[in-house]
C-alpha atoms as a PDB file:
ATOM      1  CA  MET A   1     -15.823 101.322 -89.850  1.00  0.00           C
ATOM      2  CA  LEU A   2     -13.489  98.526 -88.916  1.00  0.00           C
ATOM      3  CA  GLU A   3     -13.075  95.739 -91.452  1.00  0.00           C
ATOM      4  CA  HIS A   4     -11.063  93.789 -88.586  1.00  0.00           C
ATOM      5  CA  GLY A   5     -10.984  94.497 -84.903  1.00  0.00           C
ATOM      6  CA  TYR A   6      -8.133  93.412 -82.734  1.00  0.00           C
ATOM      7  CA  ILE A   7      -7.463  92.537 -79.090  1.00  0.00           C
ATOM      8  CA  GLN A   8      -5.192  95.077 -77.235  1.00  0.00           C
ATOM      9  CA  ILE A   9      -3.713  94.633 -73.789  1.00  0.00           C
ATOM     10  CA  TYR A  10      -2.352  97.547 -71.476  1.00  0.00           C
ATOM     11  CA  THR A  11      -0.570  95.997 -68.419  1.00  0.00           C
ATOM     12  CA  GLY A  12       2.226  96.333 -66.123  1.00  0.00           C
ATOM     13  CA  ASP A  13       2.825  98.336 -62.751  1.00  0.00           C
ATOM     14  CA  GLY A  14       3.352 101.646 -64.350  1.00  0.00           C
ATOM     15  CA  LYS A  15       0.783 104.556 -64.566  1.00  0.00           C
ATOM     16  CA  GLY A  16      -1.263 104.996 -67.829  1.00  0.00           C
ATOM     17  CA  LYS A  17      -3.122 101.867 -68.466  1.00  0.00           C
ATOM     18  CA  THR A  18      -6.621 103.261 -68.246  1.00  0.00           C
ATOM     19  CA  THR A  19      -5.397 106.537 -69.658  1.00  0.00           C
ATOM     20  CA  ALA A  20      -4.123 104.886 -72.850  1.00  0.00           C
ATOM     21  CA  SER A  21      -7.468 103.076 -73.328  1.00  0.00           C
ATOM     22  CA  LEU A  22      -9.349 106.423 -72.803  1.00  0.00           C
ATOM     23  CA  GLY A  23      -7.190 108.009 -75.412  1.00  0.00           C
ATOM     24  CA  LEU A  24      -8.200 105.215 -77.778  1.00  0.00           C
ATOM     25  CA  ALA A  25     -11.757 105.665 -76.872  1.00  0.00           C
ATOM     26  CA  LEU A  26     -11.396 109.459 -77.671  1.00  0.00           C
ATOM     27  CA  ARG A  27      -9.956 108.701 -80.963  1.00  0.00           C
ATOM     28  CA  ALA A  28     -12.475 106.326 -81.921  1.00  0.00           C
ATOM     29  CA  ILE A  29     -15.342 108.484 -81.111  1.00  0.00           C
ATOM     30  CA  GLY A  30     -13.769 111.314 -83.212  1.00  0.00           C
ATOM     31  CA  HIS A  31     -14.345 108.751 -86.094  1.00  0.00           C
ATOM     32  CA  GLY A  32     -18.013 108.122 -85.175  1.00  0.00           C
ATOM     33  CA  TRP A  33     -17.481 104.816 -83.371  1.00  0.00           C
ATOM     34  CA  LYS A  34     -19.717 103.624 -80.623  1.00  0.00           C
ATOM     35  CA  VAL A  35     -17.548 102.754 -77.490  1.00  0.00           C
ATOM     36  CA  LEU A  36     -18.352 101.065 -74.231  1.00  0.00           C
ATOM     37  CA  ILE A  37     -16.036 101.316 -71.287  1.00  0.00           C
ATOM     38  CA  LEU A  38     -16.793  98.774 -68.556  1.00  0.00           C
ATOM     39  CA  GLN A  39     -14.855  99.668 -65.420  1.00  0.00           C
ATOM     40  CA  PHE A  40     -14.049  96.632 -63.225  1.00  0.00           C
ATOM     41  CA  THR A  41     -12.925  97.079 -59.410  1.00  0.00           C
ATOM     42  CA  LYS A  42     -13.895 100.743 -59.622  1.00  0.00           C
ATOM     43  CA  GLY A  43     -16.742 102.023 -57.452  1.00  0.00           C
ATOM     44  CA  ASP A  44     -19.680 103.867 -58.623  1.00  0.00           C
ATOM     45  CA  GLN A  45     -18.731 107.315 -57.889  1.00  0.00           C
ATOM     46  CA  ALA A  46     -20.167 109.353 -60.804  1.00  0.00           C
ATOM     47  CA  ASN A  47     -18.481 112.698 -59.533  1.00  0.00           C
ATOM     48  CA  TYR A  48     -15.136 111.015 -58.754  1.00  0.00           C
ATOM     49  CA  TYR A  49     -13.675 109.749 -61.975  1.00  0.00           C
ATOM     50  CA  GLY A  50     -13.167 112.424 -64.670  1.00  0.00           C
ATOM     51  CA  GLU A  51     -13.856 110.114 -67.474  1.00  0.00           C
ATOM     52  CA  ILE A  52     -17.326 109.544 -66.141  1.00  0.00           C
ATOM     53  CA  ILE A  53     -17.951 113.396 -65.779  1.00  0.00           C
ATOM     54  CA  SER A  54     -16.670 114.172 -69.214  1.00  0.00           C
ATOM     55  CA  SER A  55     -18.509 111.093 -70.920  1.00  0.00           C
ATOM     56  CA  SER A  56     -21.824 112.417 -69.960  1.00  0.00           C
ATOM     57  CA  LYS A  57     -21.275 115.965 -70.841  1.00  0.00           C
ATOM     58  CA  LEU A  58     -19.120 115.648 -74.015  1.00  0.00           C
ATOM     59  CA  MET A  59     -19.667 112.309 -75.905  1.00  0.00           C
ATOM     60  CA  PRO A  60     -22.964 110.827 -76.630  1.00  0.00           C
ATOM     61  CA  ASN A  61     -21.178 107.732 -78.350  1.00  0.00           C
ATOM     62  CA  LEU A  62     -19.530 106.842 -75.169  1.00  0.00           C
ATOM     63  CA  GLU A  63     -20.872 104.694 -72.357  1.00  0.00           C
ATOM     64  CA  VAL A  64     -18.897 104.294 -69.244  1.00  0.00           C
ATOM     65  CA  THR A  65     -20.272 101.718 -66.686  1.00  0.00           C
ATOM     66  CA  GLN A  66     -18.644 100.740 -63.404  1.00  0.00           C
ATOM     67  CA  TYR A  67     -18.709  97.499 -61.388  1.00  0.00           C
ATOM     68  CA  GLY A  68     -17.046  97.732 -58.130  1.00  0.00           C
ATOM     69  CA  LEU A  69     -17.101  99.186 -54.615  1.00  0.00           C
ATOM     70  CA  ASP A  70     -15.729 102.567 -53.755  1.00  0.00           C
ATOM     71  CA  ARG A  71     -12.192 101.511 -53.149  1.00  0.00           C
ATOM     72  CA  VAL A  72      -9.244 100.113 -55.017  1.00  0.00           C
ATOM     73  CA  VAL A  73      -9.086  96.105 -55.027  1.00  0.00           C
ATOM     74  CA  TYR A  74      -6.002  94.243 -53.955  1.00  0.00           C
ATOM     75  CA  SER A  75      -5.509  90.773 -53.000  1.00  0.00           C
ATOM     76  CA  HIS A  76      -5.460  91.581 -49.396  1.00  0.00           C
ATOM     77  CA  ASN A  77      -8.832  93.398 -49.311  1.00  0.00           C
ATOM     78  CA  VAL A  78     -10.954  91.519 -51.985  1.00  0.00           C
ATOM     79  CA  ASN A  79     -14.302  90.194 -50.565  1.00  0.00           C
ATOM     80  CA  MET A  80     -17.523  88.671 -51.812  1.00  0.00           C
ATOM     81  CA  GLU A  81     -19.087  91.971 -52.795  1.00  0.00           C
ATOM     82  CA  ASP A  82     -15.937  92.453 -55.146  1.00  0.00           C
ATOM     83  CA  TYR A  83     -16.704  89.166 -56.568  1.00  0.00           C
ATOM     84  CA  LYS A  84     -20.477  89.831 -57.296  1.00  0.00           C
ATOM     85  CA  GLU A  85     -19.640  93.150 -58.823  1.00  0.00           C
ATOM     86  CA  ALA A  86     -17.092  91.617 -61.114  1.00  0.00           C
ATOM     87  CA  LYS A  87     -19.667  88.796 -62.101  1.00  0.00           C
ATOM     88  CA  LYS A  88     -22.286  91.537 -62.949  1.00  0.00           C
ATOM     89  CA  GLY A  89     -19.813  93.508 -65.022  1.00  0.00           C
ATOM     90  CA  TRP A  90     -18.607  90.405 -66.773  1.00  0.00           C
ATOM     91  CA  GLU A  91     -22.126  89.431 -67.658  1.00  0.00           C
ATOM     92  CA  HIS A  92     -22.531  92.921 -69.080  1.00  0.00           C
ATOM     93  CA  ALA A  93     -19.337  92.611 -71.087  1.00  0.00           C
ATOM     94  CA  LYS A  94     -20.507  89.316 -72.640  1.00  0.00           C
ATOM     95  CA  GLN A  95     -23.877  90.716 -73.789  1.00  0.00           C
ATOM     96  CA  ALA A  96     -22.139  93.808 -75.048  1.00  0.00           C
ATOM     97  CA  ILE A  97     -19.424  91.791 -77.110  1.00  0.00           C
ATOM     98  CA  LYS A  98     -22.299  89.850 -78.736  1.00  0.00           C
ATOM     99  CA  SER A  99     -24.547  92.770 -79.324  1.00  0.00           C
ATOM    100  CA  ASN A 100     -22.917  94.265 -82.446  1.00  0.00           C
ATOM    101  CA  LYS A 101     -23.744  97.606 -80.929  1.00  0.00           C
ATOM    102  CA  TYR A 102     -20.190  98.880 -80.396  1.00  0.00           C
ATOM    103  CA  GLN A 103     -16.945  99.167 -82.428  1.00  0.00           C
ATOM    104  CA  MET A 104     -14.846  99.243 -79.359  1.00  0.00           C
ATOM    105  CA  ILE A 105     -15.158  97.630 -75.905  1.00  0.00           C
ATOM    106  CA  ILE A 106     -12.824  98.540 -73.296  1.00  0.00           C
ATOM    107  CA  LEU A 107     -12.622  96.159 -70.216  1.00  0.00           C
ATOM    108  CA  ASP A 108     -10.843  98.439 -67.758  1.00  0.00           C
ATOM    109  CA  GLU A 109      -9.151  96.472 -65.002  1.00  0.00           C
ATOM    110  CA  ILE A 110     -10.351  93.210 -66.225  1.00  0.00           C
ATOM    111  CA  ASN A 111      -6.677  91.854 -65.881  1.00  0.00           C
ATOM    112  CA  ILE A 112      -7.050  92.370 -62.067  1.00  0.00           C
ATOM    113  CA  CYS A 113     -10.360  90.490 -62.005  1.00  0.00           C
ATOM    114  CA  ALA A 114      -8.805  87.675 -63.954  1.00  0.00           C
ATOM    115  CA  ASP A 115      -5.584  87.596 -61.569  1.00  0.00           C
ATOM    116  CA  LEU A 116      -7.724  87.377 -58.482  1.00  0.00           C
ATOM    117  CA  GLY A 117     -10.170  84.932 -59.927  1.00  0.00           C
ATOM    118  CA  MET A 118     -13.039  87.203 -60.085  1.00  0.00           C
ATOM    119  CA  VAL A 119     -13.493  86.136 -63.665  1.00  0.00           C
ATOM    120  CA  LYS A 120     -12.442  82.934 -65.106  1.00  0.00           C
ATOM    121  CA  ILE A 121      -9.598  83.208 -67.718  1.00  0.00           C
ATOM    122  CA  SER A 122     -11.527  80.554 -69.870  1.00  0.00           C
ATOM    123  CA  GLU A 123     -14.560  82.760 -70.133  1.00  0.00           C
ATOM    124  CA  ILE A 124     -12.569  85.732 -71.085  1.00  0.00           C
ATOM    125  CA  LYS A 125     -10.676  83.676 -73.758  1.00  0.00           C
ATOM    126  CA  GLU A 126     -14.044  82.180 -74.955  1.00  0.00           C
ATOM    127  CA  ALA A 127     -15.482  85.705 -75.260  1.00  0.00           C
ATOM    128  CA  LEU A 128     -12.312  87.003 -77.174  1.00  0.00           C
ATOM    129  CA  MET A 129     -12.328  84.075 -79.553  1.00  0.00           C
ATOM    130  CA  ASN A 130     -15.951  84.514 -80.352  1.00  0.00           C
ATOM    131  CA  LYS A 131     -16.086  88.285 -80.676  1.00  0.00           C
ATOM    132  CA  PRO A 132     -17.391  89.832 -83.722  1.00  0.00           C
ATOM    133  CA  LYS A 133     -14.566  90.148 -86.473  1.00  0.00           C
ATOM    134  CA  ASN A 134     -14.853  93.895 -86.563  1.00  0.00           C
ATOM    135  CA  LEU A 135     -15.014  94.572 -82.871  1.00  0.00           C
ATOM    136  CA  GLU A 136     -11.839  96.016 -81.179  1.00  0.00           C
ATOM    137  CA  ILE A 137     -11.513  94.838 -77.581  1.00  0.00           C
ATOM    138  CA  VAL A 138      -9.067  96.588 -75.065  1.00  0.00           C
ATOM    139  CA  LEU A 139      -8.088  94.879 -71.668  1.00  0.00           C
ATOM    140  CA  THR A 140      -6.334  96.866 -68.984  1.00  0.00           C
ATOM    141  CA  GLY A 141      -4.899  96.082 -65.587  1.00  0.00           C
ATOM    142  CA  ARG A 142      -1.891  94.878 -63.854  1.00  0.00           C
ATOM    143  CA  ARG A 143      -0.760  91.258 -64.106  1.00  0.00           C
ATOM    144  CA  ALA A 144      -2.290  90.315 -67.568  1.00  0.00           C
ATOM    145  CA  HIS A 145      -2.546  86.662 -67.744  1.00  0.00           C
ATOM    146  CA  PRO A 146      -0.134  84.804 -70.048  1.00  0.00           C
ATOM    147  CA  GLU A 147      -2.858  83.136 -72.031  1.00  0.00           C
ATOM    148  CA  LEU A 148      -4.633  86.468 -72.728  1.00  0.00           C
ATOM    149  CA  ILE A 149      -1.251  87.978 -73.653  1.00  0.00           C
ATOM    150  CA  SER A 150      -0.741  85.092 -76.065  1.00  0.00           C
ATOM    151  CA  MET A 151      -4.221  85.768 -77.737  1.00  0.00           C
ATOM    152  CA  ALA A 152      -3.744  89.623 -78.103  1.00  0.00           C
ATOM    153  CA  HIS A 153      -2.536  91.375 -81.240  1.00  0.00           C
ATOM    154  CA  LEU A 154      -1.004  94.244 -79.147  1.00  0.00           C
ATOM    155  CA  VAL A 155       0.271  94.215 -75.702  1.00  0.00           C
ATOM    156  CA  THR A 156       2.030  97.235 -74.008  1.00  0.00           C
ATOM    157  CA  GLU A 157       3.463  96.972 -70.466  1.00  0.00           C
ATOM    158  CA  MET A 158       3.770 100.093 -68.546  1.00  0.00           C
ATOM    159  CA  ASN A 159       6.723  99.955 -66.542  1.00  0.00           C
ATOM    160  CA  PRO A 160       7.521 102.687 -63.972  1.00  0.00           C
ATOM    161  CA  LYS A 161      10.907 104.443 -63.939  1.00  0.00           C
ATOM    162  CA  LYS A 162       9.964 107.182 -61.519  1.00  0.00           C
ATOM    163  CA  HIS A 163       6.709 108.217 -59.794  1.00  0.00           C
ATOM    164  CA  TYR A 164       5.761 111.008 -57.408  1.00  0.00           C
ATOM    165  CA  PHE A 165       3.895 108.409 -55.395  1.00  0.00           C
ATOM    166  CA  ASP A 166       7.193 107.172 -54.218  1.00  0.00           C
ATOM    167  CA  GLN A 167       7.670 110.671 -52.699  1.00  0.00           C
ATOM    168  CA  GLY A 168       4.392 110.547 -50.840  1.00  0.00           C
ATOM    169  CA  VAL A 169       2.268 112.252 -53.491  1.00  0.00           C
ATOM    170  CA  MET A 170      -1.324 110.627 -53.583  1.00  0.00           C
ATOM    171  CA  ALA A 171      -3.623 110.357 -56.402  1.00  0.00           C
ATOM    172  CA  ARG A 172      -4.610 113.583 -57.928  1.00  0.00           C
ATOM    173  CA  GLN A 173      -7.862 114.635 -59.298  1.00  0.00           C
ATOM    174  CA  GLY A 174      -7.735 115.278 -62.951  1.00  0.00           C
ATOM    175  CA  ILE A 175      -4.507 113.193 -63.339  1.00  0.00           C
ATOM    176  CA  GLU A 176      -5.141 109.718 -61.765  1.00  0.00           C
ATOM    177  CA  TYR A 177      -8.820 109.919 -61.586  1.00  0.00           C
END
């Protein structure tokens, strides 16, 4: 297993942040790792997100848990229920990080939660600083906080050059979810 786990961030306005983290999860599982994906700001729609459907069918070493309502969260529509869901997800994340049960934990869309004040930057930093040495942690979502970027060992920013959304094509099953 891992001798040293690093902190990775996938951020930016382009498509592919969650997709990249899922690729990492698939690769790690191929090597026998136990992986946890905590999805923040994504509703509990077990038959909506392809990664949840496939994880239950194909990968016993993968757990995917969602903490969010059944919509996308933006600054203009965030409400108290979103905050409650984020808090529940963050409590789960802190326990999972301490558990030594996983070799990789993906905090999908945690950057959004931090940006909207749903999870405090200081708490995320503390969890990252005190993570087990051999745990790989991946943070995804737009607008990664500069202090988290500074702590990370790998940061990739997804920048859109062209997207079919600009031509009116909405999210497609199997591609965006």
